[in-house]
Amino acid sequence: MSDDLKQRISGLMPRAKADLTELVAMTSVADPRQYPAEECHRTAQWVADAFTELGFTDMRLADTIDGSKAVLGHRPGPPGAPTVLLYCHYDVQPPLDDAAWTSPPFQLTERDGRWYGRGTADCKGNIAMHLTALRALGDDIPVTLKFIAEGSEEQGTGGLEDFVPKNAEELRADAILVCDTGNAAVGVPAATVTLRGLANVVVTVTALDSEMHSGMFGGPAPDALAALIHMLASLRDSRGNTTVDGLDNTRTWTGEGYDPEQFRTDAHMVAGTELLGDGTVSDMLWARPALTVLGIDCPPVVGSSAAIQATAAARLNLRVPPGTDPRAAQDALAAHLEKAAPWGVRVEIERESSGAPFEAVTTGPAYAALGAAMEEAYGKPMTTLGQGGSIPLCNVFADTYPGAEIILMGVEEPLCLIHAPNESVDPTEIANMALSEALFLRSFGTKNGKRK
């Protein structure tokens, strides 16, 4: 059944590369402090035009509360057909260190069989995947399609989270393909079924009214930086387990495992370093809380003086698994830090953003259709993964459309280095995921009528 689609997709891959070349060249970083906002608007219009060519009607650019543009429209299917909403985002991360890129970040470059450039995987590669799947199907699409592309996902400013509930009927669907994740490895198909939530805080420690000479006052005078280090050290035990009082760090993951040696490679671990925690890699990534120190305010080595620090601060990122309330976790982290503070130093906690974890319901017909489609496309069964990152929009979809099946999938895999210099995509993943999507749409539409 898939041979005809596979041949069409193979023939469409040069166009997919041309599309992605154009998309990567657009510097659609949704931060006007870094790149012109016009670039995001130009990218949004490109996406709208591309889907209009495929028969989507009413394609439009809609303003969101954060100033970005959402791209949306629909393509009617046969009477009584189920509805599938296709999601992706067209904004990208900034390139970070230009000097760390082997080739220009905003120029698609082929090297060793992969396509390099910012957004090739996250998430413009998924735009190419959608377009290739729909071109391969042509007029033979037995579902009603809706489409929404986000323009500020990487900035986390919540434009689409606000937009969806306010436009619920326009986007309502039976199945929602959130195409911003990917597979376990190249050639290993997967659906992501859990996402960790997050709870960020900034902790500031004050010990003195002024920095003081370490020779004259060091010893009895409390050191704010040393106090902060003491507090941060209490957040992990000797094995590296996150140890925030009140948070369960013993849960286990029941889905697909993550090979430890593969993780070492994927995480670019330095030789001789140890994997952290008492659980498996999958347990530590997807089933347990994880605390990361994102930054510390303190004097740099170069330019530092012989002084006891009066104040010091750190920004902390706490990832929490499904089943944990992120605000409760944030409160637990704040309480832990206050309790761990030594020497009577003053502690101030600023609560930053928090986001709920997500767990998909995988027992419906859409998941069954996707599993069959991926197995046909890849020649091996679909696995299920968790993801350490957060996609708050999934919870918005779940709350707005409680009857919809939410599926996270896409062209990303560990070698893509998303958010890092030298991001890339394997074009075979675009081809195979486009085939999976096309087979899913064909099967889901044929076997499933409109459900109440």
Protein backbone atom coordinates (compact mmCIF):
# COMPACT_ATOMS: atom_id res chain seq x y z
CA MET A 1 0.00 0.00 0.00
CA SER A 2 2.86 2.36 0.78
CA ASP A 3 4.86 1.76 -2.41
CA ASP A 4 3.08 4.46 -4.39
CA LEU A 5 3.49 7.05 -1.63
CA LYS A 6 7.10 6.06 -1.03
CA GLN A 7 7.96 6.58 -4.69
CA ARG A 8 6.20 9.94 -4.77
CA ILE A 9 8.00 11.11 -1.64
CA SER A 10 11.35 10.02 -3.05
CA GLY A 11 10.64 12.12 -6.12
CA LEU A 12 9.61 15.07 -3.94
CA MET A 13 12.77 15.18 -1.81
CA PRO A 14 14.61 17.66 -4.09
CA ARG A 15 11.68 20.03 -3.59
CA ALA A 16 11.76 19.40 0.16
CA LYS A 17 15.43 20.39 0.15
CA ALA A 18 14.65 23.51 -1.87
CA ASP A 19 11.85 24.43 0.56
CA LEU A 20 14.10 23.93 3.55
CA THR A 21 16.88 25.93 1.91
CA GLU A 22 14.52 28.90 1.57
CA LEU A 23 13.17 28.50 5.10
CA VAL A 24 16.59 28.22 6.74
CA ALA A 25 17.74 31.38 4.97
CA MET A 26 15.03 33.35 6.80
CA THR A 27 16.36 34.50 10.17
CA SER A 28 13.06 33.93 11.96
CA VAL A 29 14.29 34.38 15.53
CA ALA A 30 11.29 35.81 17.40
CA ASP A 31 13.33 38.37 19.33
CA PRO A 32 13.47 41.80 17.70
CA ARG A 33 16.47 42.66 19.86
CA GLN A 34 18.46 40.14 17.83
CA TYR A 35 16.84 39.96 14.37
CA PRO A 36 14.29 42.09 12.51
CA ALA A 37 10.67 41.16 13.20
CA GLU A 38 10.06 41.40 9.45
CA GLU A 39 11.97 38.13 9.01
CA CYS A 40 9.43 36.26 11.14
CA HIS A 41 6.56 37.88 9.24
CA ARG A 42 8.18 36.96 5.92
CA THR A 43 8.55 33.35 7.07
CA ALA A 44 4.93 33.25 8.20
CA GLN A 45 3.79 34.45 4.79
CA TRP A 46 5.97 31.83 3.08
CA VAL A 47 4.28 29.12 5.13
CA ALA A 48 0.80 30.50 4.37
CA ASP A 49 1.55 30.60 0.64
CA ALA A 50 2.95 27.06 0.61
CA PHE A 51 -0.16 25.57 2.23
CA THR A 52 -2.47 27.65 0.07
CA GLU A 53 -0.89 25.93 -2.95
CA LEU A 54 -1.93 22.60 -1.41
CA GLY A 55 -5.61 23.48 -1.30
CA PHE A 56 -5.87 25.01 2.17
CA THR A 57 -8.50 27.72 2.22
CA ASP A 58 -8.76 30.83 4.35
CA MET A 59 -5.03 30.79 5.09
CA ARG A 60 -4.35 33.83 7.22
CA LEU A 61 -1.84 35.42 9.56
CA ALA A 62 -3.36 36.11 12.97
CA ASP A 63 -1.91 38.41 15.62
CA THR A 64 -1.14 36.90 19.03
CA ILE A 65 -0.68 38.68 22.35
CA ASP A 66 3.12 38.51 22.18
CA GLY A 67 3.29 40.25 18.81
CA SER A 68 3.98 37.14 16.76
CA LYS A 69 1.94 35.83 13.84
CA ALA A 70 0.08 32.53 13.89
CA VAL A 71 -0.49 30.93 10.48
CA LEU A 72 -3.74 29.01 10.14
CA GLY A 73 -6.22 27.64 7.64
CA HIS A 74 -8.03 24.46 6.70
CA ARG A 75 -8.62 22.03 3.86
CA PRO A 76 -12.11 20.46 3.82
CA GLY A 77 -12.38 16.69 3.57
CA PRO A 78 -15.25 14.39 2.61
CA PRO A 79 -18.53 14.74 4.53
CA GLY A 80 -18.35 12.99 7.89
CA ALA A 81 -14.55 12.63 7.75
CA PRO A 82 -12.52 13.05 10.94
CA THR A 83 -10.50 16.23 11.41
CA VAL A 84 -6.74 16.35 11.95
CA LEU A 85 -4.94 19.48 13.12
CA LEU A 86 -1.33 19.81 11.96
CA TYR A 87 0.96 21.88 14.19
CA CYS A 88 4.50 23.17 13.78
CA HIS A 89 6.41 26.38 14.51
CA TYR A 90 8.41 28.49 12.09
CA ASP A 91 10.51 30.50 14.55
CA VAL A 92 13.96 29.24 15.49
CA GLN A 93 16.57 29.56 18.18
CA PRO A 94 19.32 32.14 17.65
CA PRO A 95 22.53 30.61 16.32
CA LEU A 96 24.34 31.33 19.62
CA ASP A 97 28.08 31.21 18.85
CA ASP A 98 28.53 31.85 15.12
CA ALA A 99 32.18 30.81 15.38
CA ALA A 100 31.14 27.36 16.61
CA TRP A 101 29.27 26.62 13.37
CA THR A 102 31.16 24.66 10.73
CA SER A 103 28.98 26.24 8.04
CA PRO A 104 26.84 29.43 8.10
CA PRO A 105 23.86 28.92 10.42
CA PHE A 106 21.31 30.44 8.04
CA GLN A 107 22.53 28.64 4.94
CA LEU A 108 21.47 25.05 4.37
CA THR A 109 24.65 23.05 3.82
CA GLU A 110 24.85 19.35 2.98
CA ARG A 111 27.63 17.49 4.72
CA ASP A 112 28.14 13.75 5.33
CA GLY A 113 24.57 13.00 4.25
CA ARG A 114 22.94 15.52 6.63
CA TRP A 115 21.51 18.99 6.04
CA TYR A 116 22.95 21.62 8.38
CA GLY A 117 21.48 24.97 9.35
CA ARG A 118 19.45 26.61 12.10
CA GLY A 119 15.93 25.21 12.03
CA THR A 120 16.66 22.28 9.71
CA ALA A 121 15.21 20.03 12.41
CA ASP A 122 13.58 22.36 14.95
CA CYS A 123 11.17 23.04 13.50
CA LYS A 124 11.40 23.97 9.81
CA GLY A 125 12.23 20.37 8.98
CA ASN A 126 8.73 19.52 10.20
CA ILE A 127 7.23 22.12 7.87
CA ALA A 128 9.04 20.36 5.02
CA MET A 129 7.72 17.04 6.33
CA HIS A 130 4.10 18.28 6.31
CA LEU A 131 4.43 19.72 2.79
CA THR A 132 6.04 16.57 1.42
CA ALA A 133 3.40 14.29 2.93
CA LEU A 134 0.53 16.37 1.56
CA ARG A 135 2.09 16.73 -1.88
CA ALA A 136 2.49 12.96 -2.02
CA LEU A 137 -1.19 12.45 -1.16
CA GLY A 138 -2.35 15.02 -3.71
CA ASP A 139 -6.14 15.11 -3.86
CA ASP A 140 -6.43 11.78 -2.04
CA ILE A 141 -6.77 13.10 1.51
CA PRO A 142 -9.73 11.44 3.25
CA VAL A 143 -9.73 13.75 6.31
CA THR A 144 -10.49 17.38 6.98
CA LEU A 145 -7.19 19.11 7.68
CA LYS A 146 -6.59 22.13 9.86
CA PHE A 147 -3.23 23.82 10.18
CA ILE A 148 -1.62 26.06 12.76
CA ALA A 149 1.98 27.30 12.78
CA GLU A 150 3.39 29.22 15.72
CA GLY A 151 5.78 32.14 15.49
CA SER A 152 7.22 32.44 19.01
CA GLU A 153 7.54 28.92 20.41
CA GLU A 154 11.27 29.18 21.05
CA GLN A 155 10.84 32.36 23.08
CA GLY A 156 8.21 30.77 25.33
CA THR A 157 6.10 33.93 25.38
CA GLY A 158 2.78 32.11 25.23
CA GLY A 159 1.25 33.61 22.10
CA LEU A 160 -0.43 30.43 20.91
CA GLU A 161 -1.31 29.25 24.42
CA ASP A 162 -3.48 32.36 24.64
CA PHE A 163 -4.74 32.13 21.05
CA VAL A 164 -6.03 28.53 21.05
CA PRO A 165 -8.76 28.82 23.73
CA LYS A 166 -9.98 32.07 22.19
CA ASN A 167 -10.28 30.42 18.77
CA ALA A 168 -11.28 26.96 19.93
CA GLU A 169 -13.88 26.18 17.27
CA GLU A 170 -11.64 27.19 14.40
CA LEU A 171 -8.97 24.69 15.51
CA ARG A 172 -11.12 21.87 16.93
CA ALA A 173 -10.02 18.43 15.73
CA ASP A 174 -10.25 14.71 16.49
CA ALA A 175 -6.47 14.23 16.33
CA ILE A 176 -3.71 16.81 16.77
CA LEU A 177 -0.25 16.14 15.34
CA VAL A 178 2.18 18.25 17.37
CA CYS A 179 5.21 18.01 15.11
CA ASP A 180 8.00 19.37 17.26
CA THR A 181 9.68 16.21 18.60
CA GLY A 182 11.16 13.18 16.90
CA ASN A 183 12.52 9.68 16.95
CA ALA A 184 14.73 7.68 19.30
CA ALA A 185 17.45 7.58 16.63
CA VAL A 186 17.70 7.79 12.86
CA GLY A 187 15.51 4.99 11.55
CA VAL A 188 13.85 4.24 14.90
CA PRO A 189 10.25 5.58 14.76
CA ALA A 190 8.70 6.95 17.92
CA ALA A 191 5.88 8.96 19.40
CA THR A 192 6.63 11.15 22.40
CA VAL A 193 4.02 10.43 25.06
CA THR A 194 5.24 12.44 28.08
CA LEU A 195 6.78 15.85 28.59
CA ARG A 196 8.34 17.15 31.76
CA GLY A 197 7.06 20.38 33.23
CA LEU A 198 9.28 23.13 34.55
CA ALA A 199 9.56 25.43 37.54
CA ASN A 200 12.20 28.17 37.52
CA VAL A 201 13.38 30.28 40.43
CA VAL A 202 16.07 32.87 41.05
CA VAL A 203 17.62 32.68 44.52
CA THR A 204 19.55 35.65 45.90
CA VAL A 205 21.71 35.39 49.02
CA THR A 206 22.83 38.46 50.99
CA ALA A 207 25.39 38.16 53.82
CA LEU A 208 27.00 41.60 54.12
CA ASP A 209 26.12 45.20 53.40
CA SER A 210 29.31 45.53 51.37
CA GLU A 211 32.10 43.42 49.95
CA MET A 212 34.90 43.19 52.50
CA HIS A 213 38.63 42.48 52.30
CA SER A 214 39.18 38.73 52.62
CA GLY A 215 42.44 39.17 54.51
CA MET A 216 41.01 41.51 57.13
CA PHE A 217 37.58 39.89 57.59
CA GLY A 218 37.79 36.40 56.05
CA GLY A 219 37.04 33.64 58.52
CA PRO A 220 34.31 34.91 60.82
CA ALA A 221 32.50 37.04 58.22
CA PRO A 222 29.80 35.13 56.27
CA ASP A 223 30.44 34.75 52.54
CA ALA A 224 27.32 34.99 50.37
CA LEU A 225 28.84 33.05 47.49
CA ALA A 226 29.99 30.23 49.77
CA ALA A 227 26.51 30.15 51.33
CA LEU A 228 24.93 29.90 47.87
CA ILE A 229 27.30 27.08 46.89
CA HIS A 230 26.34 25.24 50.08
CA MET A 231 22.65 25.63 49.24
CA LEU A 232 23.07 24.49 45.64
CA ALA A 233 25.08 21.46 46.71
CA SER A 234 22.14 20.30 48.82
CA LEU A 235 20.00 19.90 45.68
CA ARG A 236 21.86 16.75 44.58
CA ASP A 237 23.25 13.80 46.48
CA SER A 238 26.60 12.11 45.88
CA ARG A 239 25.14 9.99 43.05
CA GLY A 240 23.68 13.02 41.31
CA ASN A 241 20.02 12.38 42.19
CA THR A 242 17.98 15.58 42.49
CA THR A 243 17.08 15.87 46.18
CA VAL A 244 14.52 18.64 46.60
CA ASP A 245 12.64 18.05 49.86
CA GLY A 246 9.10 16.91 49.13
CA LEU A 247 9.68 15.72 45.54
CA ASP A 248 9.67 12.01 44.67
CA ASN A 249 12.91 11.02 42.95
CA THR A 250 12.28 7.26 42.82
CA ARG A 251 9.80 6.83 39.95
CA THR A 252 10.61 4.56 37.01
CA TRP A 253 9.97 4.81 33.25
CA THR A 254 7.95 2.02 31.62
CA GLY A 255 8.32 2.94 27.93
CA GLU A 256 11.24 2.57 25.54
CA GLY A 257 14.62 2.56 27.23
CA TYR A 258 17.58 4.79 26.38
CA ASP A 259 20.85 2.90 25.94
CA PRO A 260 23.43 4.38 28.34
CA GLU A 261 26.28 4.32 25.83
CA GLN A 262 24.12 5.96 23.20
CA PHE A 263 23.17 8.62 25.72
CA ARG A 264 26.84 9.27 26.48
CA THR A 265 27.38 9.91 22.79
CA ASP A 266 24.22 11.95 22.32
CA ALA A 267 24.97 14.10 25.39
CA HIS A 268 28.60 14.69 24.32
CA MET A 269 29.83 13.50 27.71
CA VAL A 270 33.53 13.99 28.40
CA ALA A 271 35.48 10.76 28.75
CA GLY A 272 35.58 9.56 32.34
CA THR A 273 32.46 11.38 33.53
CA GLU A 274 29.69 9.34 35.13
CA LEU A 275 26.00 9.09 34.39
CA LEU A 276 24.04 10.66 37.22
CA GLY A 277 21.44 9.08 39.46
CA ASP A 278 20.38 5.69 40.80
CA GLY A 279 17.85 5.04 38.04
CA THR A 280 18.19 4.16 34.38
CA VAL A 281 18.84 6.90 31.85
CA SER A 282 15.13 6.82 30.98
CA ASP A 283 14.14 7.09 34.64
CA MET A 284 16.37 10.11 35.15
CA LEU A 285 15.25 11.82 31.93
CA TRP A 286 11.52 11.20 31.88
CA ALA A 287 10.24 9.95 35.25
CA ARG A 288 12.10 11.97 37.89
CA PRO A 289 12.73 15.63 38.76
CA ALA A 290 15.95 17.18 37.50
CA LEU A 291 17.56 20.35 38.84
CA THR A 292 19.89 22.40 36.64
CA VAL A 293 21.81 25.53 37.65
CA LEU A 294 21.31 27.81 34.65
CA GLY A 295 23.48 30.69 35.79
CA ILE A 296 25.22 32.31 38.74
CA ASP A 297 25.84 35.99 39.46
CA CYS A 298 29.27 36.26 41.01
CA PRO A 299 32.61 37.82 40.06
CA PRO A 300 34.39 36.21 37.11
CA VAL A 301 37.83 34.71 37.69
CA VAL A 302 39.51 37.34 35.55
CA GLY A 303 39.11 40.63 37.36
CA SER A 304 38.14 39.19 40.73
CA SER A 305 39.61 40.70 43.87
CA ALA A 306 40.46 39.51 47.38
CA ALA A 307 36.99 40.25 48.72
CA ILE A 308 34.27 38.40 50.59
CA GLN A 309 31.13 38.52 48.48
CA ALA A 310 28.23 40.44 49.98
CA THR A 311 25.61 38.97 47.61
CA ALA A 312 25.32 36.14 45.12
CA ALA A 313 22.45 34.78 43.04
CA ALA A 314 21.60 31.76 40.90
CA ARG A 315 18.90 30.94 38.39
CA LEU A 316 17.60 27.40 38.74
CA ASN A 317 15.59 25.23 36.36
CA LEU A 318 13.60 22.35 37.85
CA ARG A 319 12.11 19.84 35.43
CA VAL A 320 9.24 17.77 36.81
CA PRO A 321 7.62 14.60 35.40
CA PRO A 322 3.91 13.95 34.81
CA GLY A 323 2.05 13.58 38.08
CA THR A 324 3.88 16.48 39.73
CA ASP A 325 2.27 19.89 40.04
CA PRO A 326 4.83 22.47 38.84
CA ARG A 327 3.72 25.20 41.23
CA ALA A 328 3.91 22.81 44.17
CA ALA A 329 7.36 21.79 42.96
CA GLN A 330 8.38 25.45 42.74
CA ASP A 331 7.17 25.99 46.31
CA ALA A 332 9.07 22.90 47.44
CA LEU A 333 12.26 24.16 45.80
CA ALA A 334 11.91 27.58 47.44
CA ALA A 335 11.30 26.01 50.85
CA HIS A 336 14.27 23.68 50.41
CA LEU A 337 16.61 26.56 49.57
CA GLU A 338 15.44 28.64 52.52
CA LYS A 339 15.93 25.70 54.87
CA ALA A 340 19.37 24.89 53.46
CA ALA A 341 20.69 28.45 53.83
CA PRO A 342 23.55 28.52 56.39
CA TRP A 343 24.78 31.14 58.83
CA GLY A 344 21.57 33.14 58.98
CA VAL A 345 22.13 34.72 55.54
CA ARG A 346 19.19 36.52 53.99
CA VAL A 347 17.50 34.56 51.18
CA GLU A 348 15.15 35.98 48.56
CA ILE A 349 13.33 33.71 46.11
CA GLU A 350 11.89 35.01 42.86
CA ARG A 351 9.47 32.59 41.24
CA GLU A 352 9.79 32.67 37.46
CA SER A 353 7.85 30.71 34.87
CA SER A 354 6.30 27.32 35.51
CA GLY A 355 4.77 24.86 33.07
CA ALA A 356 2.74 21.72 33.62
CA PRO A 357 4.01 18.31 32.52
CA PHE A 358 2.04 16.40 29.90
CA GLU A 359 1.08 12.77 29.39
CA ALA A 360 -0.75 11.62 26.27
CA VAL A 361 -3.59 9.13 26.19
CA THR A 362 -2.40 6.49 23.74
CA THR A 363 -5.31 4.05 23.56
CA GLY A 364 -7.37 5.68 20.79
CA PRO A 365 -7.70 5.01 17.06
CA ALA A 366 -5.31 7.80 16.03
CA TYR A 367 -2.44 6.23 17.97
CA ALA A 368 -3.27 2.85 16.51
CA ALA A 369 -3.26 4.32 13.00
CA LEU A 370 0.03 6.11 13.62
CA GLY A 371 1.67 2.97 14.99
CA ALA A 372 0.67 1.01 11.90
CA ALA A 373 1.79 3.84 9.61
CA MET A 374 5.22 4.16 11.23
CA GLU A 375 5.78 0.41 11.17
CA GLU A 376 4.92 0.33 7.47
CA ALA A 377 7.16 3.32 6.72
CA TYR A 378 10.17 2.22 8.77
CA GLY A 379 9.81 -1.55 8.74
CA LYS A 380 9.91 -1.71 12.54
CA PRO A 381 7.42 -1.04 15.34
CA MET A 382 6.86 2.45 16.72
CA THR A 383 8.32 3.01 20.18
CA THR A 384 7.20 5.49 22.84
CA LEU A 385 9.49 8.09 24.37
CA GLY A 386 9.41 10.79 26.97
CA GLN A 387 10.95 14.19 26.47
CA GLY A 388 12.74 16.22 29.09
CA GLY A 389 11.68 19.50 27.53
CA SER A 390 8.34 21.24 27.95
CA ILE A 391 5.71 22.16 25.35
CA PRO A 392 3.05 24.07 27.32
CA LEU A 393 0.80 24.18 24.26
CA CYS A 394 0.11 20.44 24.65
CA ASN A 395 -1.65 21.08 27.94
CA VAL A 396 -3.63 23.89 26.34
CA PHE A 397 -4.71 21.52 23.57
CA ALA A 398 -5.64 18.85 26.13
CA ASP A 399 -7.68 21.28 28.22
CA THR A 400 -9.40 22.88 25.20
CA TYR A 401 -10.11 19.63 23.36
CA PRO A 402 -10.44 16.88 26.00
CA GLY A 403 -11.70 14.39 23.42
CA ALA A 404 -8.83 14.87 20.95
CA GLU A 405 -5.87 12.52 20.64
CA ILE A 406 -2.64 14.50 20.91
CA ILE A 407 0.34 12.96 19.12
CA LEU A 408 3.88 14.33 19.40
CA MET A 409 6.14 13.35 16.50
CA GLY A 410 8.60 14.83 14.04
CA VAL A 411 11.95 14.72 12.28
CA GLU A 412 14.19 15.46 15.26
CA GLU A 413 16.53 12.85 16.78
CA PRO A 414 19.56 13.12 19.08
CA LEU A 415 22.12 13.82 16.34
CA CYS A 416 20.20 16.93 15.27
CA LEU A 417 21.74 19.07 18.07
CA ILE A 418 18.67 21.28 18.25
CA HIS A 419 19.26 24.59 20.10
CA ALA A 420 23.02 24.12 19.66
CA PRO A 421 25.53 25.17 17.01
CA ASN A 422 25.64 22.89 13.96
CA GLU A 423 21.99 21.86 14.08
CA SER A 424 21.18 19.40 11.33
CA VAL A 425 18.59 16.96 10.04
CA ASP A 426 18.92 13.60 8.33
CA PRO A 427 16.90 13.89 5.08
CA THR A 428 15.88 10.24 5.37
CA GLU A 429 13.98 11.23 8.50
CA ILE A 430 12.06 13.88 6.55
CA ALA A 431 11.24 11.28 3.89
CA ASN A 432 10.25 8.51 6.31
CA MET A 433 8.27 10.80 8.59
CA ALA A 434 6.48 12.32 5.58
CA LEU A 435 5.59 8.78 4.52
CA SER A 436 4.41 7.99 8.06
CA GLU A 437 2.23 11.10 8.10
CA ALA A 438 0.77 10.39 4.66
CA LEU A 439 -0.01 6.78 5.58
CA PHE A 440 -1.56 7.92 8.86
CA LEU A 441 -3.83 10.45 7.17
CA ARG A 442 -4.91 7.93 4.55
CA SER A 443 -5.62 5.21 7.13
CA PHE A 444 -7.21 7.42 9.79
CA GLY A 445 -9.56 8.98 7.29
CA THR A 446 -10.54 5.70 5.68
CA LYS A 447 -11.18 3.72 8.87
CA ASN A 448 -12.65 6.39 11.13
CA GLY A 449 -15.78 8.43 10.63
CA LYS A 450 -16.48 11.60 12.53
CA ARG A 451 -16.51 10.81 16.25
CA LYS A 452 -18.59 12.63 18.83
